[in-house]
Amino acid sequence: MDTETTTLPPGKEPALRVIPMPSDASHTGDIFGGWIMSQVDLAGSIPAVRLAKGRVATVAVNSFVFRQPVFVGDVVSFYADVVKVGRTSITVDVTVYAQRRPERETCVKVTEAVLTYVAVDSNRQPRVVSPQQ
């Protein structure tokens, strides 16, 4: 497990920033992986929705790596970047960082994931992603 400290990406705004609560943790104090996965999906959907100019559906989790645990009270930042646009699909890379211990803050990369979304219409059928303007 990589324990190297890092910094948040300079000049970038996170798609999502959250502080996990005790209800998001196991009895040992580690945040449930499923909670992190759901937050990653939300964060990844934000640039996908903007690019698609409407509704998207998650169709694939291409990769998901937990590098470090997340703890109650960490400030967790989710950075999402579109890495590929297909006819109806949008692939997003999500990198997650945890800032720990406010008295002597450290920052670690905790998760990396790649997800694919498909733009859908009001009938939940795939639709063409509009070209960028």
C-alpha atoms as a PDB file:
ATOM      1  CA  MET A   1       0.000   0.000   0.000  1.00  0.00           C
ATOM      2  CA  ASP A   2       1.392   3.391  -1.047  1.00  0.00           C
ATOM      3  CA  THR A   3       1.594   5.711   1.977  1.00  0.00           C
ATOM      4  CA  GLU A   4       3.320   8.633   0.271  1.00  0.00           C
ATOM      5  CA  THR A   5       1.896  12.039   1.094  1.00  0.00           C
ATOM      6  CA  THR A   6       1.093  14.421  -1.711  1.00  0.00           C
ATOM      7  CA  THR A   7      -0.762  17.643  -2.387  1.00  0.00           C
ATOM      8  CA  LEU A   8      -4.054  18.382  -4.059  1.00  0.00           C
ATOM      9  CA  PRO A   9      -3.751  19.051  -7.809  1.00  0.00           C
ATOM     10  CA  PRO A  10      -2.734  22.709  -8.189  1.00  0.00           C
ATOM     11  CA  GLY A  11      -5.039  24.942 -10.167  1.00  0.00           C
ATOM     12  CA  LYS A  12      -7.890  22.409 -10.271  1.00  0.00           C
ATOM     13  CA  GLU A  13     -11.210  22.489  -8.492  1.00  0.00           C
ATOM     14  CA  PRO A  14     -12.648  19.220  -7.192  1.00  0.00           C
ATOM     15  CA  ALA A  15     -15.910  18.015  -8.699  1.00  0.00           C
ATOM     16  CA  LEU A  16     -16.980  17.032  -5.188  1.00  0.00           C
ATOM     17  CA  ARG A  17     -15.667  17.472  -1.638  1.00  0.00           C
ATOM     18  CA  VAL A  18     -17.125  15.530   1.295  1.00  0.00           C
ATOM     19  CA  ILE A  19     -16.385  14.729   4.946  1.00  0.00           C
ATOM     20  CA  PRO A  20     -17.387  11.131   5.764  1.00  0.00           C
ATOM     21  CA  MET A  21     -19.326  10.630   8.987  1.00  0.00           C
ATOM     22  CA  PRO A  22     -19.402   7.737  11.486  1.00  0.00           C
ATOM     23  CA  SER A  23     -22.459   6.255   9.735  1.00  0.00           C
ATOM     24  CA  ASP A  24     -20.258   5.806   6.619  1.00  0.00           C
ATOM     25  CA  ALA A  25     -17.691   3.692   8.520  1.00  0.00           C
ATOM     26  CA  SER A  26     -17.237   0.124   9.664  1.00  0.00           C
ATOM     27  CA  HIS A  27     -16.772  -0.746  13.340  1.00  0.00           C
ATOM     28  CA  THR A  28     -13.002  -0.262  12.841  1.00  0.00           C
ATOM     29  CA  GLY A  29     -13.397   3.337  11.652  1.00  0.00           C
ATOM     30  CA  ASP A  30     -12.542   2.761   7.999  1.00  0.00           C
ATOM     31  CA  ILE A  31     -15.008   4.241   5.528  1.00  0.00           C
ATOM     32  CA  PHE A  32     -16.906   1.585   3.551  1.00  0.00           C
ATOM     33  CA  GLY A  33     -15.593   1.047   0.023  1.00  0.00           C
ATOM     34  CA  GLY A  34     -19.165   1.172  -1.255  1.00  0.00           C
ATOM     35  CA  TRP A  35     -19.571   4.681   0.152  1.00  0.00           C
ATOM     36  CA  ILE A  36     -16.422   5.787  -1.670  1.00  0.00           C
ATOM     37  CA  MET A  37     -17.624   4.095  -4.863  1.00  0.00           C
ATOM     38  CA  SER A  38     -20.950   5.946  -4.756  1.00  0.00           C
ATOM     39  CA  GLN A  39     -19.191   9.290  -4.226  1.00  0.00           C
ATOM     40  CA  VAL A  40     -16.816   8.518  -7.133  1.00  0.00           C
ATOM     41  CA  ASP A  41     -19.838   7.790  -9.339  1.00  0.00           C
ATOM     42  CA  LEU A  42     -21.431  11.118  -8.356  1.00  0.00           C
ATOM     43  CA  ALA A  43     -18.190  13.032  -8.950  1.00  0.00           C
ATOM     44  CA  GLY A  44     -17.625  11.375 -12.332  1.00  0.00           C
ATOM     45  CA  SER A  45     -21.164  12.101 -13.433  1.00  0.00           C
ATOM     46  CA  ILE A  46     -20.774  15.858 -12.956  1.00  0.00           C
ATOM     47  CA  PRO A  47     -18.503  16.530 -15.968  1.00  0.00           C
ATOM     48  CA  ALA A  48     -20.343  13.831 -17.946  1.00  0.00           C
ATOM     49  CA  VAL A  49     -23.713  15.565 -17.413  1.00  0.00           C
ATOM     50  CA  ARG A  50     -22.217  18.930 -18.345  1.00  0.00           C
ATOM     51  CA  LEU A  51     -20.653  17.563 -21.520  1.00  0.00           C
ATOM     52  CA  ALA A  52     -23.772  15.574 -22.481  1.00  0.00           C
ATOM     53  CA  LYS A  53     -25.946  18.588 -21.678  1.00  0.00           C
ATOM     54  CA  GLY A  54     -28.387  16.294 -19.933  1.00  0.00           C
ATOM     55  CA  ARG A  55     -28.985  12.970 -18.333  1.00  0.00           C
ATOM     56  CA  VAL A  56     -26.351  10.212 -18.257  1.00  0.00           C
ATOM     57  CA  ALA A  57     -26.302   6.644 -16.973  1.00  0.00           C
ATOM     58  CA  THR A  58     -23.290   4.825 -15.575  1.00  0.00           C
ATOM     59  CA  VAL A  59     -22.603   1.850 -17.840  1.00  0.00           C
ATOM     60  CA  ALA A  60     -19.158   0.683 -16.726  1.00  0.00           C
ATOM     61  CA  VAL A  61     -16.642   0.920 -13.964  1.00  0.00           C
ATOM     62  CA  ASN A  62     -13.548   0.279 -16.056  1.00  0.00           C
ATOM     63  CA  SER A  63     -11.125   0.310 -13.131  1.00  0.00           C
ATOM     64  CA  PHE A  64     -11.231   1.042  -9.437  1.00  0.00           C
ATOM     65  CA  VAL A  65      -8.226   0.987  -7.111  1.00  0.00           C
ATOM     66  CA  PHE A  66      -8.308   1.679  -3.374  1.00  0.00           C
ATOM     67  CA  ARG A  67      -4.790   2.903  -2.490  1.00  0.00           C
ATOM     68  CA  GLN A  68      -5.353   4.052   1.097  1.00  0.00           C
ATOM     69  CA  PRO A  69      -8.162   3.854   3.631  1.00  0.00           C
ATOM     70  CA  VAL A  70     -10.427   6.822   4.248  1.00  0.00           C
ATOM     71  CA  PHE A  71     -11.309   7.718   7.848  1.00  0.00           C
ATOM     72  CA  VAL A  72     -14.138   9.539   9.584  1.00  0.00           C
ATOM     73  CA  GLY A  73     -13.347  13.259   9.520  1.00  0.00           C
ATOM     74  CA  ASP A  74     -11.056  13.216   6.482  1.00  0.00           C
ATOM     75  CA  VAL A  75     -11.774  15.941   3.941  1.00  0.00           C
ATOM     76  CA  VAL A  76     -12.170  13.859   0.787  1.00  0.00           C
ATOM     77  CA  SER A  77     -11.743  15.617  -2.585  1.00  0.00           C
ATOM     78  CA  PHE A  78     -12.831  14.007  -5.858  1.00  0.00           C
ATOM     79  CA  TYR A  79     -11.246  15.290  -9.086  1.00  0.00           C
ATOM     80  CA  ALA A  80     -12.958  14.248 -12.316  1.00  0.00           C
ATOM     81  CA  ASP A  81     -11.588  14.635 -15.837  1.00  0.00           C
ATOM     82  CA  VAL A  82     -13.178  13.565 -19.116  1.00  0.00           C
ATOM     83  CA  VAL A  83     -10.639  11.362 -20.899  1.00  0.00           C
ATOM     84  CA  LYS A  84     -12.658  10.106 -23.873  1.00  0.00           C
ATOM     85  CA  VAL A  85     -15.850  11.029 -25.708  1.00  0.00           C
ATOM     86  CA  GLY A  86     -17.552   8.550 -28.015  1.00  0.00           C
ATOM     87  CA  ARG A  87     -20.721   8.839 -30.045  1.00  0.00           C
ATOM     88  CA  THR A  88     -22.968   8.307 -26.991  1.00  0.00           C
ATOM     89  CA  SER A  89     -20.420   7.631 -24.246  1.00  0.00           C
ATOM     90  CA  ILE A  90     -18.197   9.706 -21.991  1.00  0.00           C
ATOM     91  CA  THR A  91     -15.289   8.184 -20.058  1.00  0.00           C
ATOM     92  CA  VAL A  92     -14.183   9.973 -16.897  1.00  0.00           C
ATOM     93  CA  ASP A  93     -11.065   9.544 -14.760  1.00  0.00           C
ATOM     94  CA  VAL A  94     -11.691  10.208 -11.047  1.00  0.00           C
ATOM     95  CA  THR A  95      -8.844  10.678  -8.571  1.00  0.00           C
ATOM     96  CA  VAL A  96      -9.593  10.932  -4.861  1.00  0.00           C
ATOM     97  CA  TYR A  97      -7.499  12.563  -2.147  1.00  0.00           C
ATOM     98  CA  ALA A  98      -7.947  12.605   1.630  1.00  0.00           C
ATOM     99  CA  GLN A  99      -6.725  15.471   3.781  1.00  0.00           C
ATOM    100  CA  ARG A 100      -6.143  14.202   7.305  1.00  0.00           C
ATOM    101  CA  ARG A 101      -5.446  15.640  10.757  1.00  0.00           C
ATOM    102  CA  PRO A 102      -6.202  19.365  10.590  1.00  0.00           C
ATOM    103  CA  GLU A 103      -3.632  20.115  13.330  1.00  0.00           C
ATOM    104  CA  ARG A 104      -0.814  18.823  11.064  1.00  0.00           C
ATOM    105  CA  GLU A 105      -2.500  18.266   7.750  1.00  0.00           C
ATOM    106  CA  THR A 106      -1.354  15.503   5.446  1.00  0.00           C
ATOM    107  CA  CYS A 107      -2.785  14.667   2.048  1.00  0.00           C
ATOM    108  CA  VAL A 108      -2.817  11.208   0.469  1.00  0.00           C
ATOM    109  CA  LYS A 109      -4.178   9.831  -2.781  1.00  0.00           C
ATOM    110  CA  VAL A 110      -6.744   7.252  -1.680  1.00  0.00           C
ATOM    111  CA  THR A 111      -8.568   6.078  -4.799  1.00  0.00           C
ATOM    112  CA  GLU A 112      -8.339   6.100  -8.591  1.00  0.00           C
ATOM    113  CA  ALA A 113     -11.155   5.058 -10.903  1.00  0.00           C
ATOM    114  CA  VAL A 114     -12.257   5.215 -14.515  1.00  0.00           C
ATOM    115  CA  LEU A 115     -15.983   5.137 -15.301  1.00  0.00           C
ATOM    116  CA  THR A 116     -18.003   5.260 -18.506  1.00  0.00           C
ATOM    117  CA  TYR A 117     -21.338   7.038 -18.788  1.00  0.00           C
ATOM    118  CA  VAL A 118     -23.817   7.028 -21.665  1.00  0.00           C
ATOM    119  CA  ALA A 119     -25.933  10.044 -22.560  1.00  0.00           C
ATOM    120  CA  VAL A 120     -29.600   9.052 -22.410  1.00  0.00           C
ATOM    121  CA  ASP A 121     -32.852  10.654 -23.502  1.00  0.00           C
ATOM    122  CA  SER A 122     -36.112  10.965 -21.536  1.00  0.00           C
ATOM    123  CA  ASN A 123     -36.906   7.316 -22.377  1.00  0.00           C
ATOM    124  CA  ARG A 124     -33.524   6.210 -21.003  1.00  0.00           C
ATOM    125  CA  GLN A 125     -32.318   5.323 -24.495  1.00  0.00           C
ATOM    126  CA  PRO A 126     -28.784   6.227 -25.634  1.00  0.00           C
ATOM    127  CA  ARG A 127     -28.500   9.524 -27.468  1.00  0.00           C
ATOM    128  CA  VAL A 128     -25.672  11.191 -29.353  1.00  0.00           C
ATOM    129  CA  VAL A 129     -23.384  13.411 -27.292  1.00  0.00           C
ATOM    130  CA  SER A 130     -23.488  16.907 -28.800  1.00  0.00           C
ATOM    131  CA  PRO A 131     -20.179  18.138 -30.197  1.00  0.00           C
ATOM    132  CA  GLN A 132     -18.365  20.698 -28.044  1.00  0.00           C
ATOM    133  CA  GLN A 133     -19.095  24.314 -28.880  1.00  0.00           C
END
